Amino acid sequence: MNIEEFRDYCLAKPHVEETLPFGEDTLVFKVAGKMFAMCSLNSYAEGVNLKCDPERAVELREQYHVIQPGYHMNKKHWNTIYPEASLPMGLLPELIDHSYELVVKCLPKKVRVELGV
């Protein structure tokens, strides 16, 4: 998955907004103001950050050397994934879905109802 595919996949999720809160190079994807994905526009191959269930995060890091604790993020809840490395086909979209669903699940019920998610 290249950066354009990553961006399109994230933006296809319901109610996602794309922002640049950390400067012109860092693209952040949010749902209801909560971040679920981020990447560098200039160095996408150096990793994307995705939220992850803590237990699954450890399992993924043990299984794939291209998945590491989140760079500049809470290492318990975020992974950095090197997207152009040797990931199995379909794993990155699955991890994006997982990240998005974790964030949506933690939104207040009122917000989820308002968004219809």
PDB file of N, CA and C in Angstrom:
ATOM      1  N   MET A   1       0.861  -1.179   0.000  1.00  0.00           N
ATOM      2  CA  MET A   1       0.000   0.000   0.000  1.00  0.00           C
ATOM      3  C   MET A   1       0.899   1.232   0.000  1.00  0.00           C
ATOM      4  N   ASN A   2       0.743   2.084  -1.001  1.00  0.00           N
ATOM      5  CA  ASN A   2       1.533   3.308  -1.046  1.00  0.00           C
ATOM      6  C   ASN A   2       0.791   4.431  -0.310  1.00  0.00           C
ATOM      7  N   ILE A   3       1.383   5.591  -0.244  1.00  0.00           N
ATOM      8  CA  ILE A   3       0.798   6.677   0.543  1.00  0.00           C
ATOM      9  C   ILE A   3      -0.559   7.129  -0.008  1.00  0.00           C
ATOM     10  N   GLU A   4      -0.720   7.120  -1.314  1.00  0.00           N
ATOM     11  CA  GLU A   4      -2.014   7.530  -1.885  1.00  0.00           C
ATOM     12  C   GLU A   4      -3.101   6.527  -1.515  1.00  0.00           C
ATOM     13  N   GLU A   5      -2.769   5.249  -1.577  1.00  0.00           N
ATOM     14  CA  GLU A   5      -3.727   4.205  -1.189  1.00  0.00           C
ATOM     15  C   GLU A   5      -4.042   4.276   0.303  1.00  0.00           C
ATOM     16  N   PHE A   6      -3.014   4.521   1.111  1.00  0.00           N
ATOM     17  CA  PHE A   6      -3.201   4.676   2.560  1.00  0.00           C
ATOM     18  C   PHE A   6      -4.156   5.838   2.844  1.00  0.00           C
ATOM     19  N   ARG A   7      -3.894   6.957   2.225  1.00  0.00           N
ATOM     20  CA  ARG A   7      -4.719   8.154   2.418  1.00  0.00           C
ATOM     21  C   ARG A   7      -6.154   7.894   1.974  1.00  0.00           C
ATOM     22  N   ASP A   8      -6.330   7.346   0.784  1.00  0.00           N
ATOM     23  CA  ASP A   8      -7.672   7.059   0.271  1.00  0.00           C
ATOM     24  C   ASP A   8      -8.419   6.085   1.170  1.00  0.00           C
ATOM     25  N   TYR A   9      -7.722   5.073   1.668  1.00  0.00           N
ATOM     26  CA  TYR A   9      -8.358   4.078   2.530  1.00  0.00           C
ATOM     27  C   TYR A   9      -8.831   4.718   3.835  1.00  0.00           C
ATOM     28  N   CYS A  10      -7.991   5.543   4.430  1.00  0.00           N
ATOM     29  CA  CYS A  10      -8.380   6.225   5.677  1.00  0.00           C
ATOM     30  C   CYS A  10      -9.556   7.170   5.444  1.00  0.00           C
ATOM     31  N   LEU A  11      -9.492   7.935   4.370  1.00  0.00           N
ATOM     32  CA  LEU A  11     -10.548   8.910   4.091  1.00  0.00           C
ATOM     33  C   LEU A  11     -11.870   8.258   3.701  1.00  0.00           C
ATOM     34  N   ALA A  12     -11.858   7.016   3.282  1.00  0.00           N
ATOM     35  CA  ALA A  12     -13.090   6.317   2.914  1.00  0.00           C
ATOM     36  C   ALA A  12     -13.902   5.904   4.136  1.00  0.00           C
ATOM     37  N   LYS A  13     -13.298   5.950   5.300  1.00  0.00           N
ATOM     38  CA  LYS A  13     -14.011   5.605   6.531  1.00  0.00           C
ATOM     39  C   LYS A  13     -15.001   6.721   6.873  1.00  0.00           C
ATOM     40  N   PRO A  14     -16.134   6.367   7.484  1.00  0.00           N
ATOM     41  CA  PRO A  14     -17.144   7.381   7.820  1.00  0.00           C
ATOM     42  C   PRO A  14     -16.618   8.469   8.754  1.00  0.00           C
ATOM     43  N   HIS A  15     -16.913   9.698   8.413  1.00  0.00           N
ATOM     44  CA  HIS A  15     -16.658  10.881   9.254  1.00  0.00           C
ATOM     45  C   HIS A  15     -15.183  11.149   9.547  1.00  0.00           C
ATOM     46  N   VAL A  16     -14.311  10.732   8.649  1.00  0.00           N
ATOM     47  CA  VAL A  16     -12.873  10.953   8.849  1.00  0.00           C
ATOM     48  C   VAL A  16     -12.475  12.297   8.271  1.00  0.00           C
ATOM     49  N   GLU A  17     -11.653  12.998   9.027  1.00  0.00           N
ATOM     50  CA  GLU A  17     -11.071  14.242   8.542  1.00  0.00           C
ATOM     51  C   GLU A  17      -9.558  14.084   8.513  1.00  0.00           C
ATOM     52  N   GLU A  18      -8.944  14.795   7.590  1.00  0.00           N
ATOM     53  CA  GLU A  18      -7.495  14.772   7.420  1.00  0.00           C
ATOM     54  C   GLU A  18      -6.971  16.131   7.869  1.00  0.00           C
ATOM     55  N   THR A  19      -5.960  16.118   8.726  1.00  0.00           N
ATOM     56  CA  THR A  19      -5.418  17.370   9.257  1.00  0.00           C
ATOM     57  C   THR A  19      -3.890  17.341   9.215  1.00  0.00           C
ATOM     58  N   LEU A  20      -3.304  18.498   9.428  1.00  0.00           N
ATOM     59  CA  LEU A  20      -1.849  18.646   9.514  1.00  0.00           C
ATOM     60  C   LEU A  20      -1.493  19.397  10.806  1.00  0.00           C
ATOM     61  N   PRO A  21      -1.854  18.854  11.977  1.00  0.00           N
ATOM     62  CA  PRO A  21      -1.654  19.590  13.228  1.00  0.00           C
ATOM     63  C   PRO A  21      -0.204  19.700  13.688  1.00  0.00           C
ATOM     64  N   PHE A  22       0.677  18.858  13.149  1.00  0.00           N
ATOM     65  CA  PHE A  22       2.068  18.844  13.587  1.00  0.00           C
ATOM     66  C   PHE A  22       3.017  19.431  12.554  1.00  0.00           C
ATOM     67  N   GLY A  23       2.475  20.149  11.594  1.00  0.00           N
ATOM     68  CA  GLY A  23       3.292  20.736  10.547  1.00  0.00           C
ATOM     69  C   GLY A  23       2.919  20.180   9.189  1.00  0.00           C
ATOM     70  N   GLU A  24       3.508  20.752   8.163  1.00  0.00           N
ATOM     71  CA  GLU A  24       3.146  20.427   6.786  1.00  0.00           C
ATOM     72  C   GLU A  24       3.526  19.010   6.356  1.00  0.00           C
ATOM     73  N   ASP A  25       4.346  18.315   7.117  1.00  0.00           N
ATOM     74  CA  ASP A  25       4.812  16.985   6.723  1.00  0.00           C
ATOM     75  C   ASP A  25       4.019  15.849   7.358  1.00  0.00           C
ATOM     76  N   THR A  26       3.318  16.085   8.459  1.00  0.00           N
ATOM     77  CA  THR A  26       2.669  14.999   9.192  1.00  0.00           C
ATOM     78  C   THR A  26       1.172  15.011   8.973  1.00  0.00           C
ATOM     79  N   LEU A  27       0.705  14.020   8.254  1.00  0.00           N
ATOM     80  CA  LEU A  27      -0.706  13.877   7.925  1.00  0.00           C
ATOM     81  C   LEU A  27      -1.378  13.051   9.017  1.00  0.00           C
ATOM     82  N   VAL A  28      -2.466  13.589   9.572  1.00  0.00           N
ATOM     83  CA  VAL A  28      -3.185  12.934  10.667  1.00  0.00           C
ATOM     84  C   VAL A  28      -4.631  12.709  10.246  1.00  0.00           C
ATOM     85  N   PHE A  29      -5.129  11.513  10.530  1.00  0.00           N
ATOM     86  CA  PHE A  29      -6.520  11.168  10.237  1.00  0.00           C
ATOM     87  C   PHE A  29      -7.261  11.026  11.560  1.00  0.00           C
ATOM     88  N   LYS A  30      -8.422  11.701  11.642  1.00  0.00           N
ATOM     89  CA  LYS A  30      -9.206  11.722  12.876  1.00  0.00           C
ATOM     90  C   LYS A  30     -10.659  11.379  12.582  1.00  0.00           C
ATOM     91  N   VAL A  31     -11.303  10.819  13.594  1.00  0.00           N
ATOM     92  CA  VAL A  31     -12.746  10.644  13.578  1.00  0.00           C
ATOM     93  C   VAL A  31     -13.257  11.302  14.852  1.00  0.00           C
ATOM     94  N   ALA A  32     -14.213  12.213  14.695  1.00  0.00           N
ATOM     95  CA  ALA A  32     -14.763  12.979  15.821  1.00  0.00           C
ATOM     96  C   ALA A  32     -13.655  13.652  16.622  1.00  0.00           C
ATOM     97  N   GLY A  33     -12.636  14.141  15.930  1.00  0.00           N
ATOM     98  CA  GLY A  33     -11.548  14.859  16.583  1.00  0.00           C
ATOM     99  C   GLY A  33     -10.507  13.981  17.250  1.00  0.00           C
ATOM    100  N   LYS A  34     -10.661  12.659  17.148  1.00  0.00           N
ATOM    101  CA  LYS A  34      -9.722  11.727  17.784  1.00  0.00           C
ATOM    102  C   LYS A  34      -8.872  11.048  16.716  1.00  0.00           C
ATOM    103  N   MET A  35      -7.581  11.069  16.923  1.00  0.00           N
ATOM    104  CA  MET A  35      -6.624  10.547  15.949  1.00  0.00           C
ATOM    105  C   MET A  35      -6.621   9.017  15.944  1.00  0.00           C
ATOM    106  N   PHE A  36      -6.622   8.435  14.725  1.00  0.00           N
ATOM    107  CA  PHE A  36      -6.484   6.981  14.618  1.00  0.00           C
ATOM    108  C   PHE A  36      -5.335   6.584  13.688  1.00  0.00           C
ATOM    109  N   ALA A  37      -4.814   7.529  12.897  1.00  0.00           N
ATOM    110  CA  ALA A  37      -3.703   7.201  11.992  1.00  0.00           C
ATOM    111  C   ALA A  37      -2.904   8.455  11.687  1.00  0.00           C
ATOM    112  N   MET A  38      -1.604   8.252  11.471  1.00  0.00           N
ATOM    113  CA  MET A  38      -0.763   9.370  11.043  1.00  0.00           C
ATOM    114  C   MET A  38       0.430   8.832  10.263  1.00  0.00           C
ATOM    115  N   CYS A  39       0.914   9.704   9.363  1.00  0.00           N
ATOM    116  CA  CYS A  39       2.089   9.341   8.574  1.00  0.00           C
ATOM    117  C   CYS A  39       2.778  10.610   8.096  1.00  0.00           C
ATOM    118  N   SER A  40       3.999  10.432   7.673  1.00  0.00           N
ATOM    119  CA  SER A  40       4.761  11.531   7.100  1.00  0.00           C
ATOM    120  C   SER A  40       4.504  11.582   5.605  1.00  0.00           C
ATOM    121  N   LEU A  41       4.263  12.769   5.099  1.00  0.00           N
ATOM    122  CA  LEU A  41       4.079  12.930   3.655  1.00  0.00           C
ATOM    123  C   LEU A  41       5.381  12.726   2.898  1.00  0.00           C
ATOM    124  N   ASN A  42       6.483  13.129   3.502  1.00  0.00           N
ATOM    125  CA  ASN A  42       7.783  13.061   2.820  1.00  0.00           C
ATOM    126  C   ASN A  42       8.531  11.748   3.048  1.00  0.00           C
ATOM    127  N   SER A  43       8.174  11.021   4.097  1.00  0.00           N
ATOM    128  CA  SER A  43       8.900   9.772   4.383  1.00  0.00           C
ATOM    129  C   SER A  43       7.935   8.680   4.830  1.00  0.00           C
ATOM    130  N   TYR A  44       6.930   8.435   4.011  1.00  0.00           N
ATOM    131  CA  TYR A  44       5.903   7.433   4.289  1.00  0.00           C
ATOM    132  C   TYR A  44       6.525   6.067   4.577  1.00  0.00           C
ATOM    133  N   ALA A  45       7.542   5.699   3.855  1.00  0.00           N
ATOM    134  CA  ALA A  45       8.177   4.383   4.027  1.00  0.00           C
ATOM    135  C   ALA A  45       8.813   4.218   5.400  1.00  0.00           C
ATOM    136  N   GLU A  46       9.035   5.316   6.105  1.00  0.00           N
ATOM    137  CA  GLU A  46       9.627   5.246   7.441  1.00  0.00           C
ATOM    138  C   GLU A  46       8.603   4.931   8.515  1.00  0.00           C
ATOM    139  N   GLY A  47       7.364   4.675   8.115  1.00  0.00           N
ATOM    140  CA  GLY A  47       6.384   4.181   9.060  1.00  0.00           C
ATOM    141  C   GLY A  47       5.138   5.023   9.179  1.00  0.00           C
ATOM    142  N   VAL A  48       4.036   4.319   9.444  1.00  0.00           N
ATOM    143  CA  VAL A  48       2.766   4.953   9.764  1.00  0.00           C
ATOM    144  C   VAL A  48       2.416   4.543  11.186  1.00  0.00           C
ATOM    145  N   ASN A  49       1.772   5.422  11.904  1.00  0.00           N
ATOM    146  CA  ASN A  49       1.360   5.117  13.265  1.00  0.00           C
ATOM    147  C   ASN A  49      -0.127   4.815  13.292  1.00  0.00           C
ATOM    148  N   LEU A  50      -0.472   3.693  13.931  1.00  0.00           N
ATOM    149  CA  LEU A  50      -1.856   3.278  14.071  1.00  0.00           C
ATOM    150  C   LEU A  50      -2.117   2.839  15.505  1.00  0.00           C
ATOM    151  N   LYS A  51      -3.273   3.188  15.991  1.00  0.00           N
ATOM    152  CA  LYS A  51      -3.681   2.774  17.323  1.00  0.00           C
ATOM    153  C   LYS A  51      -3.920   1.265  17.297  1.00  0.00           C
ATOM    154  N   CYS A  52      -3.681   0.606  18.447  1.00  0.00           N
ATOM    155  CA  CYS A  52      -3.838  -0.844  18.495  1.00  0.00           C
ATOM    156  C   CYS A  52      -4.166  -1.280  19.917  1.00  0.00           C
ATOM    157  N   ASP A  53      -5.002  -2.294  20.026  1.00  0.00           N
ATOM    158  CA  ASP A  53      -5.273  -2.910  21.319  1.00  0.00           C
ATOM    159  C   ASP A  53      -3.934  -3.361  21.911  1.00  0.00           C
ATOM    160  N   PRO A  54      -3.663  -3.057  23.190  1.00  0.00           N
ATOM    161  CA  PRO A  54      -2.343  -3.363  23.765  1.00  0.00           C
ATOM    162  C   PRO A  54      -1.910  -4.827  23.632  1.00  0.00           C
ATOM    163  N   GLU A  55      -2.815  -5.766  23.862  1.00  0.00           N
ATOM    164  CA  GLU A  55      -2.437  -7.183  23.753  1.00  0.00           C
ATOM    165  C   GLU A  55      -2.122  -7.557  22.309  1.00  0.00           C
ATOM    166  N   ARG A  56      -2.947  -7.070  21.396  1.00  0.00           N
ATOM    167  CA  ARG A  56      -2.698  -7.360  19.979  1.00  0.00           C
ATOM    168  C   ARG A  56      -1.413  -6.677  19.518  1.00  0.00           C
ATOM    169  N   ALA A  57      -1.130  -5.487  20.043  1.00  0.00           N
ATOM    170  CA  ALA A  57       0.085  -4.770  19.665  1.00  0.00           C
ATOM    171  C   ALA A  57       1.319  -5.611  19.965  1.00  0.00           C
ATOM    172  N   VAL A  58       1.356  -6.216  21.141  1.00  0.00           N
ATOM    173  CA  VAL A  58       2.499  -7.056  21.515  1.00  0.00           C
ATOM    174  C   VAL A  58       2.601  -8.261  20.587  1.00  0.00           C
ATOM    175  N   GLU A  59       1.465  -8.904  20.302  1.00  0.00           N
ATOM    176  CA  GLU A  59       1.469 -10.064  19.405  1.00  0.00           C
ATOM    177  C   GLU A  59       1.992  -9.690  18.017  1.00  0.00           C
ATOM    178  N   LEU A  60       1.523  -8.558  17.495  1.00  0.00           N
ATOM    179  CA  LEU A  60       1.954  -8.122  16.166  1.00  0.00           C
ATOM    180  C   LEU A  60       3.445  -7.821  16.142  1.00  0.00           C
ATOM    181  N   ARG A  61       3.946  -7.185  17.187  1.00  0.00           N
ATOM    182  CA  ARG A  61       5.373  -6.847  17.245  1.00  0.00           C
ATOM    183  C   ARG A  61       6.234  -8.102  17.310  1.00  0.00           C
ATOM    184  N   GLU A  62       5.723  -9.136  17.990  1.00  0.00           N
ATOM    185  CA  GLU A  62       6.467 -10.392  18.075  1.00  0.00           C
ATOM    186  C   GLU A  62       6.432 -11.146  16.743  1.00  0.00           C
ATOM    187  N   GLN A  63       5.335 -11.021  16.023  1.00  0.00           N
ATOM    188  CA  GLN A  63       5.154 -11.763  14.777  1.00  0.00           C
ATOM    189  C   GLN A  63       5.825 -11.104  13.574  1.00  0.00           C
ATOM    190  N   TYR A  64       5.839  -9.757  13.545  1.00  0.00           N
ATOM    191  CA  TYR A  64       6.357  -9.031  12.380  1.00  0.00           C
ATOM    192  C   TYR A  64       7.427  -8.034  12.811  1.00  0.00           C
ATOM    193  N   HIS A  65       8.621  -8.182  12.278  1.00  0.00           N
ATOM    194  CA  HIS A  65       9.699  -7.254  12.639  1.00  0.00           C
ATOM    195  C   HIS A  65       9.444  -5.842  12.098  1.00  0.00           C
ATOM    196  N   VAL A  66       8.537  -5.690  11.145  1.00  0.00           N
ATOM    197  CA  VAL A  66       8.234  -4.377  10.564  1.00  0.00           C
ATOM    198  C   VAL A  66       7.136  -3.637  11.337  1.00  0.00           C
ATOM    199  N   ILE A  67       6.723  -4.199  12.454  1.00  0.00           N
ATOM    200  CA  ILE A  67       5.778  -3.529  13.355  1.00  0.00           C
ATOM    201  C   ILE A  67       6.498  -3.313  14.674  1.00  0.00           C
ATOM    202  N   GLN A  68       6.611  -2.035  15.046  1.00  0.00           N
ATOM    203  CA  GLN A  68       7.366  -1.638  16.228  1.00  0.00           C
ATOM    204  C   GLN A  68       6.485  -0.789  17.148  1.00  0.00           C
ATOM    205  N   PRO A  69       6.910  -0.594  18.406  1.00  0.00           N
ATOM    206  CA  PRO A  69       6.161   0.335  19.274  1.00  0.00           C
ATOM    207  C   PRO A  69       6.073   1.704  18.612  1.00  0.00           C
ATOM    208  N   GLY A  70       4.965   2.390  18.828  1.00  0.00           N
ATOM    209  CA  GLY A  70       4.694   3.669  18.171  1.00  0.00           C
ATOM    210  C   GLY A  70       5.775   4.710  18.383  1.00  0.00           C
ATOM    211  N   TYR A  71       6.338   5.186  17.295  1.00  0.00           N
ATOM    212  CA  TYR A  71       7.373   6.220  17.331  1.00  0.00           C
ATOM    213  C   TYR A  71       6.738   7.538  17.767  1.00  0.00           C
ATOM    214  N   HIS A  72       7.252   8.134  18.815  1.00  0.00           N
ATOM    215  CA  HIS A  72       6.743   9.386  19.389  1.00  0.00           C
ATOM    216  C   HIS A  72       5.296   9.276  19.866  1.00  0.00           C
ATOM    217  N   MET A  73       4.869   8.059  20.185  1.00  0.00           N
ATOM    218  CA  MET A  73       3.495   7.834  20.620  1.00  0.00           C
ATOM    219  C   MET A  73       3.529   6.992  21.895  1.00  0.00           C
ATOM    220  N   ASN A  74       2.351   6.818  22.511  1.00  0.00           N
ATOM    221  CA  ASN A  74       2.233   5.928  23.654  1.00  0.00           C
ATOM    222  C   ASN A  74       2.525   4.508  23.164  1.00  0.00           C
ATOM    223  N   LYS A  75       3.595   3.931  23.616  1.00  0.00           N
ATOM    224  CA  LYS A  75       4.068   2.644  23.099  1.00  0.00           C
ATOM    225  C   LYS A  75       3.120   1.491  23.427  1.00  0.00           C
ATOM    226  N   LYS A  76       2.274   1.671  24.410  1.00  0.00           N
ATOM    227  CA  LYS A  76       1.318   0.623  24.781  1.00  0.00           C
ATOM    228  C   LYS A  76       0.154   0.570  23.795  1.00  0.00           C
ATOM    229  N   HIS A  77      -0.268   1.721  23.279  1.00  0.00           N
ATOM    230  CA  HIS A  77      -1.483   1.811  22.471  1.00  0.00           C
ATOM    231  C   HIS A  77      -1.249   2.107  20.991  1.00  0.00           C
ATOM    232  N   TRP A  78      -0.010   2.320  20.595  1.00  0.00           N
ATOM    233  CA  TRP A  78       0.274   2.684  19.202  1.00  0.00           C
ATOM    234  C   TRP A  78       1.401   1.834  18.646  1.00  0.00           C
ATOM    235  N   ASN A  79       1.276   1.490  17.379  1.00  0.00           N
ATOM    236  CA  ASN A  79       2.331   0.792  16.642  1.00  0.00           C
ATOM    237  C   ASN A  79       2.796   1.662  15.482  1.00  0.00           C
ATOM    238  N   THR A  80       4.057   1.528  15.154  1.00  0.00           N
ATOM    239  CA  THR A  80       4.585   2.077  13.907  1.00  0.00           C
ATOM    240  C   THR A  80       4.765   0.895  12.971  1.00  0.00           C
ATOM    241  N   ILE A  81       4.158   1.012  11.800  1.00  0.00           N
ATOM    242  CA  ILE A  81       4.205  -0.047  10.802  1.00  0.00           C
ATOM    243  C   ILE A  81       4.957   0.477   9.584  1.00  0.00           C
ATOM    244  N   TYR A  82       5.891  -0.301   9.102  1.00  0.00           N
ATOM    245  CA  TYR A  82       6.644   0.071   7.912  1.00  0.00           C
ATOM    246  C   TYR A  82       5.888  -0.503   6.705  1.00  0.00           C
ATOM    247  N   PRO A  83       5.100   0.335   6.026  1.00  0.00           N
ATOM    248  CA  PRO A  83       4.110  -0.137   5.059  1.00  0.00           C
ATOM    249  C   PRO A  83       4.658  -0.715   3.767  1.00  0.00           C
ATOM    250  N   GLU A  84       5.854  -0.379   3.392  1.00  0.00           N
ATOM    251  CA  GLU A  84       6.381  -0.885   2.127  1.00  0.00           C
ATOM    252  C   GLU A  84       7.315  -2.069   2.347  1.00  0.00           C
ATOM    253  N   ALA A  85       7.307  -2.589   3.557  1.00  0.00           N
ATOM    254  CA  ALA A  85       8.159  -3.727   3.878  1.00  0.00           C
ATOM    255  C   ALA A  85       7.382  -5.031   3.639  1.00  0.00           C
ATOM    256  N   SER A  86       7.830  -6.068   4.261  1.00  0.00           N
ATOM    257  CA  SER A  86       7.293  -7.407   4.004  1.00  0.00           C
ATOM    258  C   SER A  86       6.049  -7.740   4.827  1.00  0.00           C
ATOM    259  N   LEU A  87       5.032  -6.913   4.734  1.00  0.00           N
ATOM    260  CA  LEU A  87       3.766  -7.213   5.409  1.00  0.00           C
ATOM    261  C   LEU A  87       2.920  -8.119   4.522  1.00  0.00           C
ATOM    262  N   PRO A  88       2.197  -9.055   5.126  1.00  0.00           N
ATOM    263  CA  PRO A  88       1.280  -9.861   4.312  1.00  0.00           C
ATOM    264  C   PRO A  88       0.224  -8.974   3.660  1.00  0.00           C
ATOM    265  N   MET A  89      -0.199  -9.347   2.469  1.00  0.00           N
ATOM    266  CA  MET A  89      -1.220  -8.610   1.743  1.00  0.00           C
ATOM    267  C   MET A  89      -2.483  -8.520   2.598  1.00  0.00           C
ATOM    268  N   GLY A  90      -3.015  -7.339   2.720  1.00  0.00           N
ATOM    269  CA  GLY A  90      -4.252  -7.148   3.459  1.00  0.00           C
ATOM    270  C   GLY A  90      -4.075  -6.823   4.930  1.00  0.00           C
ATOM    271  N   LEU A  91      -2.859  -6.970   5.466  1.00  0.00           N
ATOM    272  CA  LEU A  91      -2.672  -6.702   6.895  1.00  0.00           C
ATOM    273  C   LEU A  91      -2.770  -5.217   7.215  1.00  0.00           C
ATOM    274  N   LEU A  92      -2.172  -4.357   6.398  1.00  0.00           N
ATOM    275  CA  LEU A  92      -2.230  -2.927   6.690  1.00  0.00           C
ATOM    276  C   LEU A  92      -3.669  -2.401   6.673  1.00  0.00           C
ATOM    277  N   PRO A  93      -4.491  -2.726   5.671  1.00  0.00           N
ATOM    278  CA  PRO A  93      -5.889  -2.283   5.734  1.00  0.00           C
ATOM    279  C   PRO A  93      -6.616  -2.812   6.985  1.00  0.00           C
ATOM    280  N   GLU A  94      -6.309  -4.047   7.358  1.00  0.00           N
ATOM    281  CA  GLU A  94      -6.916  -4.622   8.566  1.00  0.00           C
ATOM    282  C   GLU A  94      -6.513  -3.819   9.812  1.00  0.00           C
ATOM    283  N   LEU A  95      -5.260  -3.410   9.870  1.00  0.00           N
ATOM    284  CA  LEU A  95      -4.776  -2.645  11.026  1.00  0.00           C
ATOM    285  C   LEU A  95      -5.354  -1.226  11.039  1.00  0.00           C
ATOM    286  N   ILE A  96      -5.579  -0.650   9.869  1.00  0.00           N
ATOM    287  CA  ILE A  96      -6.242   0.656   9.790  1.00  0.00           C
ATOM    288  C   ILE A  96      -7.671   0.521  10.301  1.00  0.00           C
ATOM    289  N   ASP A  97      -8.369  -0.525   9.869  1.00  0.00           N
ATOM    290  CA  ASP A  97      -9.732  -0.769  10.338  1.00  0.00           C
ATOM    291  C   ASP A  97      -9.765  -0.925  11.854  1.00  0.00           C
ATOM    292  N   HIS A  98      -8.829  -1.700  12.374  1.00  0.00           N
ATOM    293  CA  HIS A  98      -8.750  -1.940  13.820  1.00  0.00           C
ATOM    294  C   HIS A  98      -8.540  -0.627  14.577  1.00  0.00           C
ATOM    295  N   SER A  99      -7.644   0.207  14.089  1.00  0.00           N
ATOM    296  CA  SER A  99      -7.362   1.490  14.727  1.00  0.00           C
ATOM    297  C   SER A  99      -8.612   2.374  14.731  1.00  0.00           C
ATOM    298  N   TYR A 100      -9.237   2.480  13.581  1.00  0.00           N
ATOM    299  CA  TYR A 100     -10.461   3.288  13.449  1.00  0.00           C
ATOM    300  C   TYR A 100     -11.541   2.775  14.409  1.00  0.00           C
ATOM    301  N   GLU A 101     -11.754   1.471  14.434  1.00  0.00           N
ATOM    302  CA  GLU A 101     -12.790   0.884  15.288  1.00  0.00           C
ATOM    303  C   GLU A 101     -12.496   1.099  16.769  1.00  0.00           C
ATOM    304  N   LEU A 102     -11.228   1.024  17.162  1.00  0.00           N
ATOM    305  CA  LEU A 102     -10.866   1.296  18.563  1.00  0.00           C
ATOM    306  C   LEU A 102     -11.250   2.711  18.968  1.00  0.00           C
ATOM    307  N   VAL A 103     -10.952   3.666  18.093  1.00  0.00           N
ATOM    308  CA  VAL A 103     -11.260   5.066  18.397  1.00  0.00           C
ATOM    309  C   VAL A 103     -12.764   5.280  18.443  1.00  0.00           C
ATOM    310  N   VAL A 104     -13.489   4.742  17.475  1.00  0.00           N
ATOM    311  CA  VAL A 104     -14.946   4.903  17.446  1.00  0.00           C
ATOM    312  C   VAL A 104     -15.570   4.277  18.684  1.00  0.00           C
ATOM    313  N   LYS A 105     -15.088   3.109  19.070  1.00  0.00           N
ATOM    314  CA  LYS A 105     -15.623   2.400  20.229  1.00  0.00           C
ATOM    315  C   LYS A 105     -15.472   3.217  21.519  1.00  0.00           C
ATOM    316  N   CYS A 106     -14.434   4.035  21.589  1.00  0.00           N
ATOM    317  CA  CYS A 106     -14.173   4.827  22.792  1.00  0.00           C
ATOM    318  C   CYS A 106     -14.866   6.186  22.788  1.00  0.00           C
ATOM    319  N   LEU A 107     -15.515   6.538  21.691  1.00  0.00           N
ATOM    320  CA  LEU A 107     -16.248   7.805  21.649  1.00  0.00           C
ATOM    321  C   LEU A 107     -17.461   7.712  22.566  1.00  0.00           C
ATOM    322  N   PRO A 108     -17.871   8.826  23.146  1.00  0.00           N
ATOM    323  CA  PRO A 108     -19.090   8.798  23.961  1.00  0.00           C
ATOM    324  C   PRO A 108     -20.276   8.317  23.120  1.00  0.00           C
ATOM    325  N   LYS A 109     -21.182   7.613  23.771  1.00  0.00           N
ATOM    326  CA  LYS A 109     -22.337   7.056  23.061  1.00  0.00           C
ATOM    327  C   LYS A 109     -23.095   8.138  22.299  1.00  0.00           C
ATOM    328  N   LYS A 110     -23.242   9.291  22.902  1.00  0.00           N
ATOM    329  CA  LYS A 110     -23.960  10.392  22.249  1.00  0.00           C
ATOM    330  C   LYS A 110     -23.307  10.763  20.923  1.00  0.00           C
ATOM    331  N   VAL A 111     -21.990  10.821  20.896  1.00  0.00           N
ATOM    332  CA  VAL A 111     -21.254  11.175  19.677  1.00  0.00           C
ATOM    333  C   VAL A 111     -21.413  10.072  18.637  1.00  0.00           C
ATOM    334  N   ARG A 112     -21.325   8.804  19.080  1.00  0.00           N
ATOM    335  CA  ARG A 112     -21.501   7.703  18.132  1.00  0.00           C
ATOM    336  C   ARG A 112     -22.884   7.725  17.507  1.00  0.00           C
ATOM    337  N   VAL A 113     -23.893   8.034  18.317  1.00  0.00           N
ATOM    338  CA  VAL A 113     -25.266   8.114  17.801  1.00  0.00           C
ATOM    339  C   VAL A 113     -25.388   9.267  16.815  1.00  0.00           C
ATOM    340  N   GLU A 114     -24.827  10.428  17.159  1.00  0.00           N
ATOM    341  CA  GLU A 114     -24.874  11.589  16.267  1.00  0.00           C
ATOM    342  C   GLU A 114     -24.207  11.286  14.926  1.00  0.00           C
ATOM    343  N   LEU A 115     -23.106  10.547  14.961  1.00  0.00           N
ATOM    344  CA  LEU A 115     -22.364  10.218  13.739  1.00  0.00           C
ATOM    345  C   LEU A 115     -22.967   9.023  13.013  1.00  0.00           C
ATOM    346  N   GLY A 116     -23.786   8.260  13.712  1.00  0.00           N
ATOM    347  CA  GLY A 116     -24.362   7.064  13.104  1.00  0.00           C
ATOM    348  C   GLY A 116     -23.357   5.946  12.935  1.00  0.00           C
ATOM    349  N   VAL A 117     -22.410   5.878  13.865  1.00  0.00           N
ATOM    350  CA  VAL A 117     -21.401   4.799  13.817  1.00  0.00           C
ATOM    351  C   VAL A 117     -21.483   3.915  15.037  1.00  0.00           C
TER     352      VAL A 117
END
